[in-house]
Amino acid sequence: MNLTALGLVLAAAVAHAAWNILAARSSRSGVPFLFWGAIVSAVVWSVAIPFTGGIGSSGAWEFVLAVVVSGVLHVLYMLVLQRGYRAGDLSTVYATARGSGPVLTVIVSILLFGERPGLLALGGVLLVVVGVTAFGLIGRTRPAAGAEFAGAAGRARFDPSVVFGLLTGVAIATYTLWDVSMVNGFGIAPVAFMVGTSAAEAVIFGGMLGAEGARGKRPARRLRGELRANWRSLLAFGVLSPLSYVLVLTAATLAPLSLVAPMRETSVVLVGLYGVIRYRESNPVLRLTAAVVVVCGVALIGL
């Protein structure tokens, strides 16, 4: 794998882990946080567009189409993920999503884009996916089955944690494949693409909040309260979350997506290791072992 691309993806993982750590608590407030996060992202990064190639070589209509579809896909991903967290075990949903998403991306990249990573690189991809998934499953609590998944005898037919984790993985693979194909196919500059997508997300989330207002839920009060209480976390999100994705999109112009997609999931391990060190979370030896597996996978991909 191109060393520049490798460095970009690893830097993206660090940025992604950093904003998750900084904004972990406040980001659970749902749509108000996501709305303000999209607004802050678009505003903060829009100033960089003139210095990062404008919108790129695409036409205006291609750009609008690309960012609108991307915004819809990203919002669907967030909604499915939140639904999964309500229906099942958080660690299982997250691990299943972050493990299955890269696998699906790799398969589609090979079948549709004709990418042909070497055997060592594919071995590294396998190690990264296994390590990331194992990291999320360690310390898993007993699955919580939603009523819609229960059989007549009251026993769960399917673990909703796994079901929604897989659905989230499909969403991750879908927006990743779309975004990278737009950047590479239409020549859209990554920063402009990210800003446009954030703006589209803000419009969608704003529409959702407006619908809440029509039902008498007073979203304006929630928005003001969110901004006052969590402006620091929102600023961290608005700077670091877009940075991580811009780095990934840039790396995907330099290296095969089948290698870039699994590498970005190393952020899961970074967040997990922070939890082990900062909060003395359970099973530190197993978590460190999973982290070593991921590091070995990264080393193989980088060869």
C-alpha atoms as a PDB file:
ATOM      1  CA  MET A   1       0.000   0.000   0.000  1.00  0.00           C
ATOM      2  CA  ASN A   2       1.202   3.505  -0.813  1.00  0.00           C
ATOM      3  CA  LEU A   3       2.930   4.853   2.315  1.00  0.00           C
ATOM      4  CA  THR A   4       1.321   8.262   1.890  1.00  0.00           C
ATOM      5  CA  ALA A   5      -2.114   6.648   1.777  1.00  0.00           C
ATOM      6  CA  LEU A   6      -1.221   4.520   4.790  1.00  0.00           C
ATOM      7  CA  GLY A   7      -0.221   7.608   6.756  1.00  0.00           C
ATOM      8  CA  LEU A   8      -3.413   9.427   5.749  1.00  0.00           C
ATOM      9  CA  VAL A   9      -5.660   6.567   6.868  1.00  0.00           C
ATOM     10  CA  LEU A  10      -3.855   6.149  10.184  1.00  0.00           C
ATOM     11  CA  ALA A  11      -4.087   9.909  10.788  1.00  0.00           C
ATOM     12  CA  ALA A  12      -7.801   9.680   9.958  1.00  0.00           C
ATOM     13  CA  ALA A  13      -8.181   6.918  12.539  1.00  0.00           C
ATOM     14  CA  VAL A  14      -6.521   9.088  15.193  1.00  0.00           C
ATOM     15  CA  ALA A  15      -8.777  12.057  14.338  1.00  0.00           C
ATOM     16  CA  HIS A  16     -11.884   9.860  14.390  1.00  0.00           C
ATOM     17  CA  ALA A  17     -10.931   8.333  17.733  1.00  0.00           C
ATOM     18  CA  ALA A  18     -10.160  11.777  19.174  1.00  0.00           C
ATOM     19  CA  TRP A  19     -13.542  13.309  18.400  1.00  0.00           C
ATOM     20  CA  ASN A  20     -15.350  10.193  19.635  1.00  0.00           C
ATOM     21  CA  ILE A  21     -13.508  10.442  22.957  1.00  0.00           C
ATOM     22  CA  LEU A  22     -14.101  14.195  23.267  1.00  0.00           C
ATOM     23  CA  ALA A  23     -17.765  14.091  22.303  1.00  0.00           C
ATOM     24  CA  ALA A  24     -18.776  10.650  23.570  1.00  0.00           C
ATOM     25  CA  ARG A  25     -21.346  11.831  26.105  1.00  0.00           C
ATOM     26  CA  SER A  26     -22.922  14.768  24.309  1.00  0.00           C
ATOM     27  CA  SER A  27     -23.225  12.988  20.963  1.00  0.00           C
ATOM     28  CA  ARG A  28     -25.822  10.694  22.540  1.00  0.00           C
ATOM     29  CA  SER A  29     -28.354  13.521  22.570  1.00  0.00           C
ATOM     30  CA  GLY A  30     -29.462  12.526  19.078  1.00  0.00           C
ATOM     31  CA  VAL A  31     -30.729  14.696  16.228  1.00  0.00           C
ATOM     32  CA  PRO A  32     -30.015  18.115  17.843  1.00  0.00           C
ATOM     33  CA  PHE A  33     -26.337  17.204  18.229  1.00  0.00           C
ATOM     34  CA  LEU A  34     -26.185  15.796  14.696  1.00  0.00           C
ATOM     35  CA  PHE A  35     -27.880  18.909  13.277  1.00  0.00           C
ATOM     36  CA  TRP A  36     -25.462  21.301  14.956  1.00  0.00           C
ATOM     37  CA  GLY A  37     -22.540  19.005  14.158  1.00  0.00           C
ATOM     38  CA  ALA A  38     -23.398  19.130  10.455  1.00  0.00           C
ATOM     39  CA  ILE A  39     -23.767  22.932  10.579  1.00  0.00           C
ATOM     40  CA  VAL A  40     -20.446  23.424  12.371  1.00  0.00           C
ATOM     41  CA  SER A  41     -18.681  21.004  10.011  1.00  0.00           C
ATOM     42  CA  ALA A  42     -19.939  22.813   6.916  1.00  0.00           C
ATOM     43  CA  VAL A  43     -19.132  26.290   8.264  1.00  0.00           C
ATOM     44  CA  VAL A  44     -15.677  25.484   9.664  1.00  0.00           C
ATOM     45  CA  TRP A  45     -14.446  23.601   6.620  1.00  0.00           C
ATOM     46  CA  SER A  46     -16.033  25.801   3.951  1.00  0.00           C
ATOM     47  CA  VAL A  47     -13.196  28.304   4.417  1.00  0.00           C
ATOM     48  CA  ALA A  48     -10.731  25.644   3.233  1.00  0.00           C
ATOM     49  CA  ILE A  49     -12.496  24.998  -0.105  1.00  0.00           C
ATOM     50  CA  PRO A  50     -10.670  27.757  -2.082  1.00  0.00           C
ATOM     51  CA  PHE A  51      -7.322  26.367  -0.877  1.00  0.00           C
ATOM     52  CA  THR A  52      -8.065  22.696  -1.578  1.00  0.00           C
ATOM     53  CA  GLY A  53      -9.008  22.708  -5.239  1.00  0.00           C
ATOM     54  CA  GLY A  54     -12.475  24.262  -5.097  1.00  0.00           C
ATOM     55  CA  ILE A  55     -15.113  21.699  -6.010  1.00  0.00           C
ATOM     56  CA  GLY A  56     -12.652  19.880  -8.245  1.00  0.00           C
ATOM     57  CA  SER A  57     -13.087  19.067 -11.919  1.00  0.00           C
ATOM     58  CA  SER A  58     -16.753  18.053 -11.732  1.00  0.00           C
ATOM     59  CA  GLY A  59     -19.633  20.064 -13.054  1.00  0.00           C
ATOM     60  CA  ALA A  60     -22.072  21.806 -10.722  1.00  0.00           C
ATOM     61  CA  TRP A  61     -24.911  19.339 -11.314  1.00  0.00           C
ATOM     62  CA  GLU A  62     -22.663  16.324 -10.739  1.00  0.00           C
ATOM     63  CA  PHE A  63     -21.454  17.897  -7.514  1.00  0.00           C
ATOM     64  CA  VAL A  64     -24.993  18.589  -6.262  1.00  0.00           C
ATOM     65  CA  LEU A  65     -26.147  15.052  -7.122  1.00  0.00           C
ATOM     66  CA  ALA A  66     -23.133  13.500  -5.407  1.00  0.00           C
ATOM     67  CA  VAL A  67     -23.469  15.425  -2.128  1.00  0.00           C
ATOM     68  CA  VAL A  68     -27.265  15.115  -1.878  1.00  0.00           C
ATOM     69  CA  VAL A  69     -27.179  11.337  -2.295  1.00  0.00           C
ATOM     70  CA  SER A  70     -24.226  11.134   0.088  1.00  0.00           C
ATOM     71  CA  GLY A  71     -26.082  13.214   2.684  1.00  0.00           C
ATOM     72  CA  VAL A  72     -29.095  10.896   2.492  1.00  0.00           C
ATOM     73  CA  LEU A  73     -26.880   7.804   2.838  1.00  0.00           C
ATOM     74  CA  HIS A  74     -25.006   9.216   5.832  1.00  0.00           C
ATOM     75  CA  VAL A  75     -28.250  10.159   7.600  1.00  0.00           C
ATOM     76  CA  LEU A  76     -29.686   6.685   6.975  1.00  0.00           C
ATOM     77  CA  TYR A  77     -26.517   5.194   8.451  1.00  0.00           C
ATOM     78  CA  MET A  78     -26.839   7.308  11.600  1.00  0.00           C
ATOM     79  CA  LEU A  79     -30.535   6.487  12.036  1.00  0.00           C
ATOM     80  CA  VAL A  80     -30.004   2.739  11.585  1.00  0.00           C
ATOM     81  CA  LEU A  81     -27.104   2.811  14.034  1.00  0.00           C
ATOM     82  CA  GLN A  82     -29.150   4.679  16.668  1.00  0.00           C
ATOM     83  CA  ARG A  83     -32.045   2.233  16.175  1.00  0.00           C
ATOM     84  CA  GLY A  84     -29.624  -0.624  16.732  1.00  0.00           C
ATOM     85  CA  TYR A  85     -28.361   0.905  19.961  1.00  0.00           C
ATOM     86  CA  ARG A  86     -31.939   1.111  21.247  1.00  0.00           C
ATOM     87  CA  ALA A  87     -32.788  -2.475  20.260  1.00  0.00           C
ATOM     88  CA  GLY A  88     -29.666  -4.387  21.265  1.00  0.00           C
ATOM     89  CA  ASP A  89     -26.308  -4.511  22.973  1.00  0.00           C
ATOM     90  CA  LEU A  90     -24.196  -1.462  22.130  1.00  0.00           C
ATOM     91  CA  SER A  91     -20.821  -3.219  21.904  1.00  0.00           C
ATOM     92  CA  THR A  92     -22.208  -5.975  19.665  1.00  0.00           C
ATOM     93  CA  VAL A  93     -23.978  -3.556  17.333  1.00  0.00           C
ATOM     94  CA  TYR A  94     -20.846  -1.439  16.988  1.00  0.00           C
ATOM     95  CA  ALA A  95     -18.476  -4.373  16.514  1.00  0.00           C
ATOM     96  CA  THR A  96     -20.722  -6.085  13.970  1.00  0.00           C
ATOM     97  CA  ALA A  97     -21.170  -2.851  12.045  1.00  0.00           C
ATOM     98  CA  ARG A  98     -17.492  -1.888  11.977  1.00  0.00           C
ATOM     99  CA  GLY A  99     -16.490  -5.441  11.077  1.00  0.00           C
ATOM    100  CA  SER A 100     -19.067  -6.167   8.365  1.00  0.00           C
ATOM    101  CA  GLY A 101     -18.875  -2.752   6.677  1.00  0.00           C
ATOM    102  CA  PRO A 102     -15.236  -3.115   5.528  1.00  0.00           C
ATOM    103  CA  VAL A 103     -15.797  -6.742   4.472  1.00  0.00           C
ATOM    104  CA  LEU A 104     -18.686  -5.722   2.204  1.00  0.00           C
ATOM    105  CA  THR A 105     -16.656  -2.792   0.861  1.00  0.00           C
ATOM    106  CA  VAL A 106     -13.728  -5.073   0.034  1.00  0.00           C
ATOM    107  CA  ILE A 107     -15.954  -7.604  -1.736  1.00  0.00           C
ATOM    108  CA  VAL A 108     -17.706  -4.959  -3.853  1.00  0.00           C
ATOM    109  CA  SER A 109     -14.406  -3.194  -4.641  1.00  0.00           C
ATOM    110  CA  ILE A 110     -12.953  -6.439  -5.962  1.00  0.00           C
ATOM    111  CA  LEU A 111     -16.063  -7.496  -7.897  1.00  0.00           C
ATOM    112  CA  LEU A 112     -17.149  -4.137  -9.347  1.00  0.00           C
ATOM    113  CA  PHE A 113     -14.025  -1.959  -9.375  1.00  0.00           C
ATOM    114  CA  GLY A 114     -11.628  -4.719 -10.422  1.00  0.00           C
ATOM    115  CA  GLU A 115      -9.221  -4.090  -7.542  1.00  0.00           C
ATOM    116  CA  ARG A 116      -6.702  -6.873  -7.008  1.00  0.00           C
ATOM    117  CA  PRO A 117      -4.926  -6.536  -3.657  1.00  0.00           C
ATOM    118  CA  GLY A 118      -2.110  -9.006  -3.028  1.00  0.00           C
ATOM    119  CA  LEU A 119      -2.382 -12.003  -0.730  1.00  0.00           C
ATOM    120  CA  LEU A 120      -0.385 -10.317   2.051  1.00  0.00           C
ATOM    121  CA  ALA A 121      -2.632  -7.261   1.889  1.00  0.00           C
ATOM    122  CA  LEU A 122      -5.761  -9.414   1.970  1.00  0.00           C
ATOM    123  CA  GLY A 123      -4.330 -11.259   4.960  1.00  0.00           C
ATOM    124  CA  GLY A 124      -3.832  -7.894   6.648  1.00  0.00           C
ATOM    125  CA  VAL A 125      -7.433  -6.923   5.856  1.00  0.00           C
ATOM    126  CA  LEU A 126      -8.632 -10.153   7.468  1.00  0.00           C
ATOM    127  CA  LEU A 127      -6.576  -9.509  10.608  1.00  0.00           C
ATOM    128  CA  VAL A 128      -7.845  -5.930  10.907  1.00  0.00           C
ATOM    129  CA  VAL A 129     -11.489  -7.000  10.552  1.00  0.00           C
ATOM    130  CA  VAL A 130     -11.098  -9.884  13.004  1.00  0.00           C
ATOM    131  CA  GLY A 131      -9.280  -7.696  15.542  1.00  0.00           C
ATOM    132  CA  VAL A 132     -11.795  -4.848  15.302  1.00  0.00           C
ATOM    133  CA  THR A 133     -14.769  -7.212  15.626  1.00  0.00           C
ATOM    134  CA  ALA A 134     -13.191  -9.069  18.546  1.00  0.00           C
ATOM    135  CA  PHE A 135     -12.453  -5.782  20.297  1.00  0.00           C
ATOM    136  CA  GLY A 136     -16.109  -4.840  20.226  1.00  0.00           C
ATOM    137  CA  LEU A 137     -17.337  -8.258  21.316  1.00  0.00           C
ATOM    138  CA  ILE A 138     -15.039  -8.527  24.330  1.00  0.00           C
ATOM    139  CA  GLY A 139     -17.045  -7.854  27.464  1.00  0.00           C
ATOM    140  CA  ARG A 140     -20.315  -8.052  25.580  1.00  0.00           C
ATOM    141  CA  THR A 141     -23.423  -8.091  27.724  1.00  0.00           C
ATOM    142  CA  ARG A 142     -26.326 -10.473  27.303  1.00  0.00           C
ATOM    143  CA  PRO A 143     -28.241  -9.640  24.082  1.00  0.00           C
ATOM    144  CA  ALA A 144     -31.437  -7.671  24.427  1.00  0.00           C
ATOM    145  CA  ALA A 145     -34.051  -8.928  22.009  1.00  0.00           C
ATOM    146  CA  GLY A 146     -36.650  -6.495  20.700  1.00  0.00           C
ATOM    147  CA  ALA A 147     -40.261  -7.589  20.594  1.00  0.00           C
ATOM    148  CA  GLU A 148     -40.310  -7.549  16.806  1.00  0.00           C
ATOM    149  CA  PHE A 149     -37.653 -10.256  16.786  1.00  0.00           C
ATOM    150  CA  ALA A 150     -39.329 -12.531  19.352  1.00  0.00           C
ATOM    151  CA  GLY A 151     -40.989 -15.820  18.535  1.00  0.00           C
ATOM    152  CA  ALA A 152     -44.329 -17.077  19.802  1.00  0.00           C
ATOM    153  CA  ALA A 153     -42.729 -18.555  22.909  1.00  0.00           C
ATOM    154  CA  GLY A 154     -41.080 -15.202  23.724  1.00  0.00           C
ATOM    155  CA  ARG A 155     -37.590 -16.364  22.794  1.00  0.00           C
ATOM    156  CA  ALA A 156     -35.594 -14.302  20.304  1.00  0.00           C
ATOM    157  CA  ARG A 157     -35.407 -15.672  16.769  1.00  0.00           C
ATOM    158  CA  PHE A 158     -32.649 -13.217  15.929  1.00  0.00           C
ATOM    159  CA  ASP A 159     -30.286 -11.201  18.056  1.00  0.00           C
ATOM    160  CA  PRO A 160     -31.260  -7.586  17.213  1.00  0.00           C
ATOM    161  CA  SER A 161     -27.719  -6.497  18.064  1.00  0.00           C
ATOM    162  CA  VAL A 162     -26.374  -8.583  15.188  1.00  0.00           C
ATOM    163  CA  VAL A 163     -29.246  -7.755  12.815  1.00  0.00           C
ATOM    164  CA  PHE A 164     -28.920  -3.994  13.226  1.00  0.00           C
ATOM    165  CA  GLY A 165     -25.127  -4.295  13.287  1.00  0.00           C
ATOM    166  CA  LEU A 166     -25.220  -5.964   9.870  1.00  0.00           C
ATOM    167  CA  LEU A 167     -27.700  -3.378   8.557  1.00  0.00           C
ATOM    168  CA  THR A 168     -25.368  -0.636   9.772  1.00  0.00           C
ATOM    169  CA  GLY A 169     -22.480  -2.418   8.065  1.00  0.00           C
ATOM    170  CA  VAL A 170     -24.433  -2.365   4.794  1.00  0.00           C
ATOM    171  CA  ALA A 171     -25.030   1.369   5.287  1.00  0.00           C
ATOM    172  CA  ILE A 172     -21.312   1.964   5.932  1.00  0.00           C
ATOM    173  CA  ALA A 173     -20.322   0.035   2.812  1.00  0.00           C
ATOM    174  CA  THR A 174     -22.947   1.860   0.721  1.00  0.00           C
ATOM    175  CA  TYR A 175     -21.919   5.407   1.640  1.00  0.00           C
ATOM    176  CA  THR A 176     -18.222   4.532   1.446  1.00  0.00           C
ATOM    177  CA  LEU A 177     -18.536   3.070  -2.049  1.00  0.00           C
ATOM    178  CA  TRP A 178     -20.693   5.984  -3.235  1.00  0.00           C
ATOM    179  CA  ASP A 179     -18.458   8.680  -1.781  1.00  0.00           C
ATOM    180  CA  VAL A 180     -15.208   7.210  -3.106  1.00  0.00           C
ATOM    181  CA  SER A 181     -16.684   6.560  -6.554  1.00  0.00           C
ATOM    182  CA  MET A 182     -17.886  10.178  -6.716  1.00  0.00           C
ATOM    183  CA  VAL A 183     -14.524  11.603  -5.670  1.00  0.00           C
ATOM    184  CA  ASN A 184     -12.595   9.366  -8.061  1.00  0.00           C
ATOM    185  CA  GLY A 185     -15.138   9.247 -10.897  1.00  0.00           C
ATOM    186  CA  PHE A 186     -16.228  12.901 -11.039  1.00  0.00           C
ATOM    187  CA  GLY A 187     -12.993  14.387  -9.697  1.00  0.00           C
ATOM    188  CA  ILE A 188     -14.738  16.143  -6.801  1.00  0.00           C
ATOM    189  CA  ALA A 189     -12.317  17.655  -4.293  1.00  0.00           C
ATOM    190  CA  PRO A 190     -12.618  15.796  -0.942  1.00  0.00           C
ATOM    191  CA  VAL A 191     -13.018  18.931   1.211  1.00  0.00           C
ATOM    192  CA  ALA A 192     -15.761  20.401  -0.982  1.00  0.00           C
ATOM    193  CA  PHE A 193     -17.466  17.019  -1.119  1.00  0.00           C
ATOM    194  CA  MET A 194     -17.438  16.719   2.665  1.00  0.00           C
ATOM    195  CA  VAL A 195     -18.755  20.280   3.128  1.00  0.00           C
ATOM    196  CA  GLY A 196     -21.563  19.676   0.635  1.00  0.00           C
ATOM    197  CA  THR A 197     -22.494  16.400   2.305  1.00  0.00           C
ATOM    198  CA  SER A 198     -22.546  18.069   5.740  1.00  0.00           C
ATOM    199  CA  ALA A 199     -24.829  20.798   4.385  1.00  0.00           C
ATOM    200  CA  ALA A 200     -27.173  18.158   2.937  1.00  0.00           C
ATOM    201  CA  GLU A 201     -27.220  16.358   6.295  1.00  0.00           C
ATOM    202  CA  ALA A 202     -28.057  19.632   8.075  1.00  0.00           C
ATOM    203  CA  VAL A 203     -31.041  20.168   5.767  1.00  0.00           C
ATOM    204  CA  ILE A 204     -32.326  16.632   6.395  1.00  0.00           C
ATOM    205  CA  PHE A 205     -31.866  16.844  10.161  1.00  0.00           C
ATOM    206  CA  GLY A 206     -33.489  20.281  10.113  1.00  0.00           C
ATOM    207  CA  GLY A 207     -36.481  18.773   8.337  1.00  0.00           C
ATOM    208  CA  MET A 208     -36.705  16.061  10.980  1.00  0.00           C
ATOM    209  CA  LEU A 209     -36.652  18.658  13.751  1.00  0.00           C
ATOM    210  CA  GLY A 210     -39.274  20.690  11.896  1.00  0.00           C
ATOM    211  CA  ALA A 211     -41.506  17.616  11.796  1.00  0.00           C
ATOM    212  CA  GLU A 212     -41.045  17.277  15.559  1.00  0.00           C
ATOM    213  CA  GLY A 213     -42.104  20.903  15.936  1.00  0.00           C
ATOM    214  CA  ALA A 214     -45.270  20.190  13.991  1.00  0.00           C
ATOM    215  CA  ARG A 215     -46.071  17.554  16.610  1.00  0.00           C
ATOM    216  CA  GLY A 216     -45.579  20.065  19.434  1.00  0.00           C
ATOM    217  CA  LYS A 217     -42.201  18.854  20.719  1.00  0.00           C
ATOM    218  CA  ARG A 218     -40.514  22.295  20.716  1.00  0.00           C
ATOM    219  CA  PRO A 219     -37.245  21.445  18.898  1.00  0.00           C
ATOM    220  CA  ALA A 220     -36.071  25.076  19.088  1.00  0.00           C
ATOM    221  CA  ARG A 221     -35.709  24.772  22.862  1.00  0.00           C
ATOM    222  CA  ARG A 222     -33.754  21.514  22.459  1.00  0.00           C
ATOM    223  CA  LEU A 223     -31.480  23.108  19.865  1.00  0.00           C
ATOM    224  CA  ARG A 224     -30.691  26.094  22.078  1.00  0.00           C
ATOM    225  CA  GLY A 225     -30.021  23.852  25.034  1.00  0.00           C
ATOM    226  CA  GLU A 226     -27.768  21.599  22.965  1.00  0.00           C
ATOM    227  CA  LEU A 227     -25.718  24.517  21.707  1.00  0.00           C
ATOM    228  CA  ARG A 228     -25.278  26.032  25.166  1.00  0.00           C
ATOM    229  CA  ALA A 229     -24.414  22.760  26.882  1.00  0.00           C
ATOM    230  CA  ASN A 230     -22.205  21.111  24.266  1.00  0.00           C
ATOM    231  CA  TRP A 231     -20.620  23.817  22.106  1.00  0.00           C
ATOM    232  CA  ARG A 232     -17.115  22.536  22.921  1.00  0.00           C
ATOM    233  CA  SER A 233     -17.974  18.998  21.859  1.00  0.00           C
ATOM    234  CA  LEU A 234     -19.693  20.343  18.757  1.00  0.00           C
ATOM    235  CA  LEU A 235     -16.586  22.296  17.835  1.00  0.00           C
ATOM    236  CA  ALA A 236     -14.435  19.188  18.322  1.00  0.00           C
ATOM    237  CA  PHE A 237     -16.857  17.226  16.168  1.00  0.00           C
ATOM    238  CA  GLY A 238     -16.983  19.947  13.505  1.00  0.00           C
ATOM    239  CA  VAL A 239     -13.192  20.003  13.153  1.00  0.00           C
ATOM    240  CA  LEU A 240     -12.092  16.401  13.725  1.00  0.00           C
ATOM    241  CA  SER A 241     -14.919  14.335  12.247  1.00  0.00           C
ATOM    242  CA  PRO A 242     -14.718  15.985   8.798  1.00  0.00           C
ATOM    243  CA  LEU A 243     -10.905  15.892   8.983  1.00  0.00           C
ATOM    244  CA  SER A 244     -10.951  12.124   9.469  1.00  0.00           C
ATOM    245  CA  TYR A 245     -13.224  11.601   6.464  1.00  0.00           C
ATOM    246  CA  VAL A 246     -11.363  14.037   4.211  1.00  0.00           C
ATOM    247  CA  LEU A 247      -8.171  12.097   4.942  1.00  0.00           C
ATOM    248  CA  VAL A 248      -9.904   8.821   4.084  1.00  0.00           C
ATOM    249  CA  LEU A 249     -11.303  10.179   0.808  1.00  0.00           C
ATOM    250  CA  THR A 250      -7.880  11.546  -0.109  1.00  0.00           C
ATOM    251  CA  ALA A 251      -6.239   8.207   0.700  1.00  0.00           C
ATOM    252  CA  ALA A 252      -8.789   6.467  -1.535  1.00  0.00           C
ATOM    253  CA  THR A 253      -7.487   8.487  -4.491  1.00  0.00           C
ATOM    254  CA  LEU A 254      -4.005   7.068  -3.855  1.00  0.00           C
ATOM    255  CA  ALA A 255      -4.676   3.456  -2.850  1.00  0.00           C
ATOM    256  CA  PRO A 256      -7.319   0.748  -3.476  1.00  0.00           C
ATOM    257  CA  LEU A 257     -10.523   1.182  -1.505  1.00  0.00           C
ATOM    258  CA  SER A 258     -10.345  -2.504  -0.561  1.00  0.00           C
ATOM    259  CA  LEU A 259      -7.320  -1.602   1.600  1.00  0.00           C
ATOM    260  CA  VAL A 260      -8.350   1.866   2.764  1.00  0.00           C
ATOM    261  CA  ALA A 261     -11.788   0.862   4.109  1.00  0.00           C
ATOM    262  CA  PRO A 262     -10.573  -1.731   6.653  1.00  0.00           C
ATOM    263  CA  MET A 263      -7.679   0.464   7.774  1.00  0.00           C
ATOM    264  CA  ARG A 264      -9.964   3.304   8.878  1.00  0.00           C
ATOM    265  CA  GLU A 265     -11.571   0.981  11.414  1.00  0.00           C
ATOM    266  CA  THR A 266      -8.415   1.030  13.521  1.00  0.00           C
ATOM    267  CA  SER A 267     -10.052   4.002  15.245  1.00  0.00           C
ATOM    268  CA  VAL A 268     -12.250   1.475  17.072  1.00  0.00           C
ATOM    269  CA  VAL A 269      -9.168  -0.005  18.708  1.00  0.00           C
ATOM    270  CA  LEU A 270      -7.772   3.411  19.634  1.00  0.00           C
ATOM    271  CA  VAL A 271     -11.002   4.351  21.405  1.00  0.00           C
ATOM    272  CA  GLY A 272     -11.085   0.957  23.109  1.00  0.00           C
ATOM    273  CA  LEU A 273      -7.515   1.251  24.328  1.00  0.00           C
ATOM    274  CA  TYR A 274      -8.319   4.677  25.734  1.00  0.00           C
ATOM    275  CA  GLY A 275     -11.172   3.075  27.661  1.00  0.00           C
ATOM    276  CA  VAL A 276      -8.859   0.391  29.025  1.00  0.00           C
ATOM    277  CA  ILE A 277      -6.275   2.942  30.193  1.00  0.00           C
ATOM    278  CA  ARG A 278      -8.588   5.746  31.331  1.00  0.00           C
ATOM    279  CA  TYR A 279     -11.498   3.809  32.802  1.00  0.00           C
ATOM    280  CA  ARG A 280      -9.888   0.412  33.512  1.00  0.00           C
ATOM    281  CA  GLU A 281     -12.481  -1.416  31.454  1.00  0.00           C
ATOM    282  CA  SER A 282     -12.834  -5.203  31.727  1.00  0.00           C
ATOM    283  CA  ASN A 283     -10.670  -7.835  30.019  1.00  0.00           C
ATOM    284  CA  PRO A 284      -7.620  -5.631  29.353  1.00  0.00           C
ATOM    285  CA  VAL A 285      -5.452  -8.591  28.271  1.00  0.00           C
ATOM    286  CA  LEU A 286      -7.978  -9.748  25.679  1.00  0.00           C
ATOM    287  CA  ARG A 287      -8.467  -6.204  24.426  1.00  0.00           C
ATOM    288  CA  LEU A 288      -4.720  -5.686  24.095  1.00  0.00           C
ATOM    289  CA  THR A 289      -4.459  -9.002  22.235  1.00  0.00           C
ATOM    290  CA  ALA A 290      -7.136  -7.849  19.788  1.00  0.00           C
ATOM    291  CA  ALA A 291      -5.227  -4.584  19.368  1.00  0.00           C
ATOM    292  CA  VAL A 292      -2.039  -6.502  18.531  1.00  0.00           C
ATOM    293  CA  VAL A 293      -3.961  -8.461  15.898  1.00  0.00           C
ATOM    294  CA  VAL A 294      -5.081  -5.187  14.311  1.00  0.00           C
ATOM    295  CA  VAL A 295      -1.526  -3.788  14.381  1.00  0.00           C
ATOM    296  CA  CYS A 296      -0.255  -6.943  12.630  1.00  0.00           C
ATOM    297  CA  GLY A 297      -2.940  -6.508   9.991  1.00  0.00           C
ATOM    298  CA  VAL A 298      -1.929  -2.873   9.440  1.00  0.00           C
ATOM    299  CA  ALA A 299       1.693  -3.953   9.073  1.00  0.00           C
ATOM    300  CA  LEU A 300       0.771  -6.510   6.397  1.00  0.00           C
ATOM    301  CA  ILE A 301      -1.322  -3.985   4.475  1.00  0.00           C
ATOM    302  CA  GLY A 302       1.575  -1.524   4.600  1.00  0.00           C
ATOM    303  CA  LEU A 303       4.075  -3.947   3.074  1.00  0.00           C
END
